[in-house]
C-alpha atoms as a PDB file:
ATOM      1  CA  UNK A   1     -11.503 -19.237 -10.028  1.00  0.00           C
ATOM      2  CA  UNK A   2      -7.992 -20.297  -8.169  1.00  0.00           C
ATOM      3  CA  UNK A   3      -5.125 -17.292  -8.753  1.00  0.00           C
ATOM      4  CA  UNK A   4      -1.562 -18.205 -10.076  1.00  0.00           C
ATOM      5  CA  UNK A   5      -0.012 -16.126  -7.613  1.00  0.00           C
ATOM      6  CA  UNK A   6      -0.342 -14.188  -4.507  1.00  0.00           C
ATOM      7  CA  UNK A   7      -1.792 -10.858  -4.466  1.00  0.00           C
ATOM      8  CA  UNK A   8      -0.408  -8.165  -2.591  1.00  0.00           C
ATOM      9  CA  UNK A   9      -2.714  -4.922  -1.532  1.00  0.00           C
ATOM     10  CA  UNK A  10      -0.694  -1.408  -2.138  1.00  0.00           C
ATOM     11  CA  UNK A  11      -1.853   1.002   0.440  1.00  0.00           C
ATOM     12  CA  UNK A  12      -1.264   4.752  -0.043  1.00  0.00           C
ATOM     13  CA  UNK A  13       1.941   6.290   1.778  1.00  0.00           C
ATOM     14  CA  UNK A  14       0.293   9.419   2.579  1.00  0.00           C
ATOM     15  CA  UNK A  15      -2.605   8.855   4.233  1.00  0.00           C
ATOM     16  CA  UNK A  16      -4.752   5.387   5.972  1.00  0.00           C
ATOM     17  CA  UNK A  17      -6.257   4.262   2.451  1.00  0.00           C
ATOM     18  CA  UNK A  18      -5.205   0.571   2.698  1.00  0.00           C
ATOM     19  CA  UNK A  19      -6.089  -0.606  -0.785  1.00  0.00           C
ATOM     20  CA  UNK A  20      -4.710   1.945  -3.312  1.00  0.00           C
ATOM     21  CA  UNK A  21      -4.515  -1.105  -5.290  1.00  0.00           C
ATOM     22  CA  UNK A  22      -3.708  -4.534  -5.891  1.00  0.00           C
ATOM     23  CA  UNK A  23      -0.801  -6.411  -7.603  1.00  0.00           C
ATOM     24  CA  UNK A  24       0.677  -9.807  -7.668  1.00  0.00           C
ATOM     25  CA  UNK A  25       3.943 -10.489  -6.170  1.00  0.00           C
ATOM     26  CA  UNK A  26       5.745 -10.909  -9.725  1.00  0.00           C
ATOM     27  CA  UNK A  27       4.415  -7.285 -10.730  1.00  0.00           C
ATOM     28  CA  UNK A  28       7.416  -5.129 -11.855  1.00  0.00           C
ATOM     29  CA  UNK A  29       7.910  -1.747 -12.683  1.00  0.00           C
ATOM     30  CA  UNK A  30       7.335   2.102 -11.749  1.00  0.00           C
ATOM     31  CA  UNK A  31       3.951   3.535 -11.160  1.00  0.00           C
ATOM     32  CA  UNK A  32       2.138   6.990 -10.602  1.00  0.00           C
ATOM     33  CA  UNK A  33      -1.044   7.080  -9.382  1.00  0.00           C
ATOM     34  CA  UNK A  34      -3.385   9.410  -7.642  1.00  0.00           C
ATOM     35  CA  UNK A  35      -5.297   8.220  -4.594  1.00  0.00           C
ATOM     36  CA  UNK A  36      -8.515   9.166  -4.776  1.00  0.00           C
ATOM     37  CA  UNK A  37      -8.727   9.886  -0.911  1.00  0.00           C
ATOM     38  CA  UNK A  38      -6.449  11.827  -0.258  1.00  0.00           C
ATOM     39  CA  UNK A  39      -5.557  12.995  -3.738  1.00  0.00           C
ATOM     40  CA  UNK A  40      -1.768  12.730  -3.413  1.00  0.00           C
ATOM     41  CA  UNK A  41       0.078  11.195  -6.372  1.00  0.00           C
ATOM     42  CA  UNK A  42       2.947   8.540  -5.539  1.00  0.00           C
ATOM     43  CA  UNK A  43       5.337   7.160  -7.548  1.00  0.00           C
ATOM     44  CA  UNK A  44       5.589   3.664  -6.252  1.00  0.00           C
ATOM     45  CA  UNK A  45       8.421   1.153  -7.119  1.00  0.00           C
ATOM     46  CA  UNK A  46       6.590  -2.197  -7.639  1.00  0.00           C
ATOM     47  CA  UNK A  47      10.255  -4.218  -6.797  1.00  0.00           C
ATOM     48  CA  UNK A  48       9.631  -3.366  -3.070  1.00  0.00           C
ATOM     49  CA  UNK A  49       6.276  -4.106  -2.636  1.00  0.00           C
ATOM     50  CA  UNK A  50       5.871  -6.552  -0.509  1.00  0.00           C
ATOM     51  CA  UNK A  51       3.553  -8.078   2.495  1.00  0.00           C
ATOM     52  CA  UNK A  52       5.749  -7.747   5.152  1.00  0.00           C
ATOM     53  CA  UNK A  53       6.184  -4.306   4.111  1.00  0.00           C
ATOM     54  CA  UNK A  54       2.543  -3.366   4.012  1.00  0.00           C
ATOM     55  CA  UNK A  55       2.058  -5.017   7.371  1.00  0.00           C
ATOM     56  CA  UNK A  56       4.612  -2.845   8.727  1.00  0.00           C
ATOM     57  CA  UNK A  57       3.137   0.360   7.478  1.00  0.00           C
ATOM     58  CA  UNK A  58      -0.338  -0.392   8.609  1.00  0.00           C
ATOM     59  CA  UNK A  59       1.198  -1.208  12.165  1.00  0.00           C
ATOM     60  CA  UNK A  60       2.654   2.440  11.913  1.00  0.00           C
ATOM     61  CA  UNK A  61      -0.232   4.105  11.200  1.00  0.00           C
ATOM     62  CA  UNK A  62      -2.021   2.654  13.986  1.00  0.00           C
ATOM     63  CA  UNK A  63       0.201   3.475  16.496  1.00  0.00           C
ATOM     64  CA  UNK A  64       0.611   7.304  14.864  1.00  0.00           C
ATOM     65  CA  UNK A  65      -3.166   7.171  15.135  1.00  0.00           C
ATOM     66  CA  UNK A  66      -3.415   5.747  19.006  1.00  0.00           C
ATOM     67  CA  UNK A  67      -1.136   8.554  19.823  1.00  0.00           C
ATOM     68  CA  UNK A  68      -3.187  11.502  18.059  1.00  0.00           C
ATOM     69  CA  UNK A  69      -6.291  10.093  19.512  1.00  0.00           C
ATOM     70  CA  UNK A  70      -4.823  10.575  23.067  1.00  0.00           C
END
């Protein structure tokens, strides 16, 4: 099965759950979702969800985790 559009993995902005849900690049709207890991309720505007932003946040999480361990 071939996808017509690229999928983006949306992460939880409150914890390190890297795959809160998936959406396509043409997804629009605002959703409210509860993270199964940390139980925080997030309001996510899909207009601003891009792979570039996701990658930047994952790097920030890794840096924060590295500082916490040291």
